[in-house]
């Protein structure tokens, strides 16, 4: 029984991680993120406080708001476009300028 529970939990976590992977792919494809870039290395930390996911950073919160406005559970290029002129981390730079500079738009 214990083994079954462990296997079920591992499978469930894997499925959950795979469910959110497309968000990163949409971001990477839309902005043509290079494999050796800082944004690629940041992985989930582009939108989350940690590279492993979890709590959202300011950019992730803005993304969540835009997805809700669009009534979408999927990230789209149109949603990313809505985020470009915002300054999610309030550092004086637009998100798009930070992305173009290979800087995380969710971190100061």
C-alpha atoms as a PDB file:
ATOM      1  CA  UNK A   1       0.000   0.000   0.000  1.00  0.00           C
ATOM      2  CA  UNK A   2       2.794   2.388   0.907  1.00  0.00           C
ATOM      3  CA  UNK A   3       4.559   1.649  -2.386  1.00  0.00           C
ATOM      4  CA  UNK A   4       1.364   2.297  -4.371  1.00  0.00           C
ATOM      5  CA  UNK A   5       0.866   5.625  -2.628  1.00  0.00           C
ATOM      6  CA  UNK A   6       4.469   6.662  -3.327  1.00  0.00           C
ATOM      7  CA  UNK A   7       4.247   5.696  -6.993  1.00  0.00           C
ATOM      8  CA  UNK A   8       0.927   7.536  -7.327  1.00  0.00           C
ATOM      9  CA  UNK A   9       2.359  10.682  -5.772  1.00  0.00           C
ATOM     10  CA  UNK A  10       5.416  10.649  -8.035  1.00  0.00           C
ATOM     11  CA  UNK A  11       3.264  10.109 -11.126  1.00  0.00           C
ATOM     12  CA  UNK A  12       0.916  12.900 -10.039  1.00  0.00           C
ATOM     13  CA  UNK A  13       3.756  15.368  -9.509  1.00  0.00           C
ATOM     14  CA  UNK A  14       5.238  14.470 -12.880  1.00  0.00           C
ATOM     15  CA  UNK A  15       1.890  15.028 -14.586  1.00  0.00           C
ATOM     16  CA  UNK A  16       1.500  18.372 -12.814  1.00  0.00           C
ATOM     17  CA  UNK A  17       4.963  19.509 -13.901  1.00  0.00           C
ATOM     18  CA  UNK A  18       4.256  18.467 -17.483  1.00  0.00           C
ATOM     19  CA  UNK A  19       0.957  20.364 -17.432  1.00  0.00           C
ATOM     20  CA  UNK A  20       2.750  23.642 -16.766  1.00  0.00           C
ATOM     21  CA  UNK A  21       5.714  23.071 -19.094  1.00  0.00           C
ATOM     22  CA  UNK A  22       3.792  24.459 -22.111  1.00  0.00           C
ATOM     23  CA  UNK A  23       3.706  27.917 -20.477  1.00  0.00           C
ATOM     24  CA  UNK A  24       7.485  28.101 -20.580  1.00  0.00           C
ATOM     25  CA  UNK A  25       7.530  26.786 -24.134  1.00  0.00           C
ATOM     26  CA  UNK A  26       5.082  29.477 -25.284  1.00  0.00           C
ATOM     27  CA  UNK A  27       7.275  32.149 -23.642  1.00  0.00           C
ATOM     28  CA  UNK A  28      10.487  30.676 -25.101  1.00  0.00           C
ATOM     29  CA  UNK A  29       9.019  30.328 -28.589  1.00  0.00           C
ATOM     30  CA  UNK A  30       7.404  33.779 -28.618  1.00  0.00           C
ATOM     31  CA  UNK A  31      10.556  35.586 -27.492  1.00  0.00           C
ATOM     32  CA  UNK A  32      12.983  33.191 -29.215  1.00  0.00           C
ATOM     33  CA  UNK A  33      14.806  32.544 -25.936  1.00  0.00           C
ATOM     34  CA  UNK A  34      18.281  31.154 -26.626  1.00  0.00           C
ATOM     35  CA  UNK A  35      19.315  27.918 -24.916  1.00  0.00           C
ATOM     36  CA  UNK A  36      22.282  29.557 -23.188  1.00  0.00           C
ATOM     37  CA  UNK A  37      20.438  32.728 -22.124  1.00  0.00           C
ATOM     38  CA  UNK A  38      19.723  33.928 -18.621  1.00  0.00           C
ATOM     39  CA  UNK A  39      15.982  33.642 -19.223  1.00  0.00           C
ATOM     40  CA  UNK A  40      16.339  29.989 -20.258  1.00  0.00           C
ATOM     41  CA  UNK A  41      18.492  29.284 -17.202  1.00  0.00           C
ATOM     42  CA  UNK A  42      15.905  30.986 -14.991  1.00  0.00           C
ATOM     43  CA  UNK A  43      13.371  28.377 -16.190  1.00  0.00           C
ATOM     44  CA  UNK A  44      10.233  28.594 -14.051  1.00  0.00           C
ATOM     45  CA  UNK A  45      11.714  31.556 -12.138  1.00  0.00           C
ATOM     46  CA  UNK A  46      10.711  33.833 -15.017  1.00  0.00           C
ATOM     47  CA  UNK A  47       7.211  33.662 -13.502  1.00  0.00           C
ATOM     48  CA  UNK A  48       7.855  32.062 -10.105  1.00  0.00           C
ATOM     49  CA  UNK A  49       9.931  32.987  -7.069  1.00  0.00           C
ATOM     50  CA  UNK A  50      11.877  29.712  -7.452  1.00  0.00           C
ATOM     51  CA  UNK A  51      13.268  27.922 -10.529  1.00  0.00           C
ATOM     52  CA  UNK A  52      11.256  24.925  -9.323  1.00  0.00           C
ATOM     53  CA  UNK A  53       7.944  26.802  -9.451  1.00  0.00           C
ATOM     54  CA  UNK A  54       5.655  27.517  -6.517  1.00  0.00           C
ATOM     55  CA  UNK A  55       4.756  31.061  -5.490  1.00  0.00           C
ATOM     56  CA  UNK A  56       4.458  33.528  -8.377  1.00  0.00           C
ATOM     57  CA  UNK A  57       6.741  36.540  -8.733  1.00  0.00           C
ATOM     58  CA  UNK A  58       5.273  39.903  -9.895  1.00  0.00           C
ATOM     59  CA  UNK A  59       5.535  38.960 -13.606  1.00  0.00           C
ATOM     60  CA  UNK A  60       3.811  35.646 -12.914  1.00  0.00           C
ATOM     61  CA  UNK A  61       1.054  37.427 -11.000  1.00  0.00           C
ATOM     62  CA  UNK A  62       0.524  39.844 -13.906  1.00  0.00           C
ATOM     63  CA  UNK A  63       0.443  36.862 -16.278  1.00  0.00           C
ATOM     64  CA  UNK A  64      -2.145  35.140 -14.097  1.00  0.00           C
ATOM     65  CA  UNK A  65      -4.304  38.294 -14.140  1.00  0.00           C
ATOM     66  CA  UNK A  66      -4.088  38.552 -17.946  1.00  0.00           C
ATOM     67  CA  UNK A  67      -4.929  34.861 -18.373  1.00  0.00           C
ATOM     68  CA  UNK A  68      -8.003  35.336 -16.187  1.00  0.00           C
ATOM     69  CA  UNK A  69      -9.026  38.423 -18.192  1.00  0.00           C
ATOM     70  CA  UNK A  70      -8.678  36.358 -21.374  1.00  0.00           C
ATOM     71  CA  UNK A  71     -10.602  33.503 -19.696  1.00  0.00           C
ATOM     72  CA  UNK A  72      -7.779  31.200 -20.720  1.00  0.00           C
ATOM     73  CA  UNK A  73      -5.938  28.442 -18.892  1.00  0.00           C
ATOM     74  CA  UNK A  74      -3.388  28.451 -21.693  1.00  0.00           C
ATOM     75  CA  UNK A  75      -0.717  31.054 -22.191  1.00  0.00           C
ATOM     76  CA  UNK A  76      -0.862  32.600 -25.640  1.00  0.00           C
ATOM     77  CA  UNK A  77       1.301  35.072 -27.548  1.00  0.00           C
ATOM     78  CA  UNK A  78      -1.570  37.576 -27.254  1.00  0.00           C
ATOM     79  CA  UNK A  79      -1.431  37.327 -23.453  1.00  0.00           C
ATOM     80  CA  UNK A  80       2.345  37.802 -23.514  1.00  0.00           C
ATOM     81  CA  UNK A  81       1.821  40.880 -25.708  1.00  0.00           C
ATOM     82  CA  UNK A  82      -0.487  42.354 -23.020  1.00  0.00           C
ATOM     83  CA  UNK A  83       2.333  42.028 -20.476  1.00  0.00           C
ATOM     84  CA  UNK A  84       5.021  43.705 -22.565  1.00  0.00           C
ATOM     85  CA  UNK A  85       4.319  47.349 -21.668  1.00  0.00           C
ATOM     86  CA  UNK A  86       3.865  46.630 -17.955  1.00  0.00           C
ATOM     87  CA  UNK A  87       6.643  47.001 -15.398  1.00  0.00           C
ATOM     88  CA  UNK A  88       5.799  43.970 -13.287  1.00  0.00           C
ATOM     89  CA  UNK A  89       8.731  44.264 -10.874  1.00  0.00           C
ATOM     90  CA  UNK A  90       8.444  48.084 -10.609  1.00  0.00           C
ATOM     91  CA  UNK A  91      12.092  48.676 -11.460  1.00  0.00           C
ATOM     92  CA  UNK A  92      11.412  51.391 -14.040  1.00  0.00           C
ATOM     93  CA  UNK A  93      11.823  49.125 -17.084  1.00  0.00           C
ATOM     94  CA  UNK A  94       9.048  47.676 -19.217  1.00  0.00           C
ATOM     95  CA  UNK A  95       8.804  43.894 -19.246  1.00  0.00           C
ATOM     96  CA  UNK A  96       9.594  43.751 -22.974  1.00  0.00           C
ATOM     97  CA  UNK A  97      12.767  45.798 -22.488  1.00  0.00           C
ATOM     98  CA  UNK A  98      13.919  43.441 -19.757  1.00  0.00           C
ATOM     99  CA  UNK A  99      13.134  40.380 -21.874  1.00  0.00           C
ATOM    100  CA  UNK A 100      15.057  41.838 -24.828  1.00  0.00           C
ATOM    101  CA  UNK A 101      17.993  42.479 -22.452  1.00  0.00           C
ATOM    102  CA  UNK A 102      17.848  38.825 -21.271  1.00  0.00           C
ATOM    103  CA  UNK A 103      16.758  40.005 -17.835  1.00  0.00           C
ATOM    104  CA  UNK A 104      13.979  38.521 -15.745  1.00  0.00           C
ATOM    105  CA  UNK A 105      10.894  40.786 -15.848  1.00  0.00           C
ATOM    106  CA  UNK A 106       9.725  39.459 -12.501  1.00  0.00           C
ATOM    107  CA  UNK A 107      12.837  40.360 -10.505  1.00  0.00           C
ATOM    108  CA  UNK A 108      14.360  43.739  -9.616  1.00  0.00           C
END
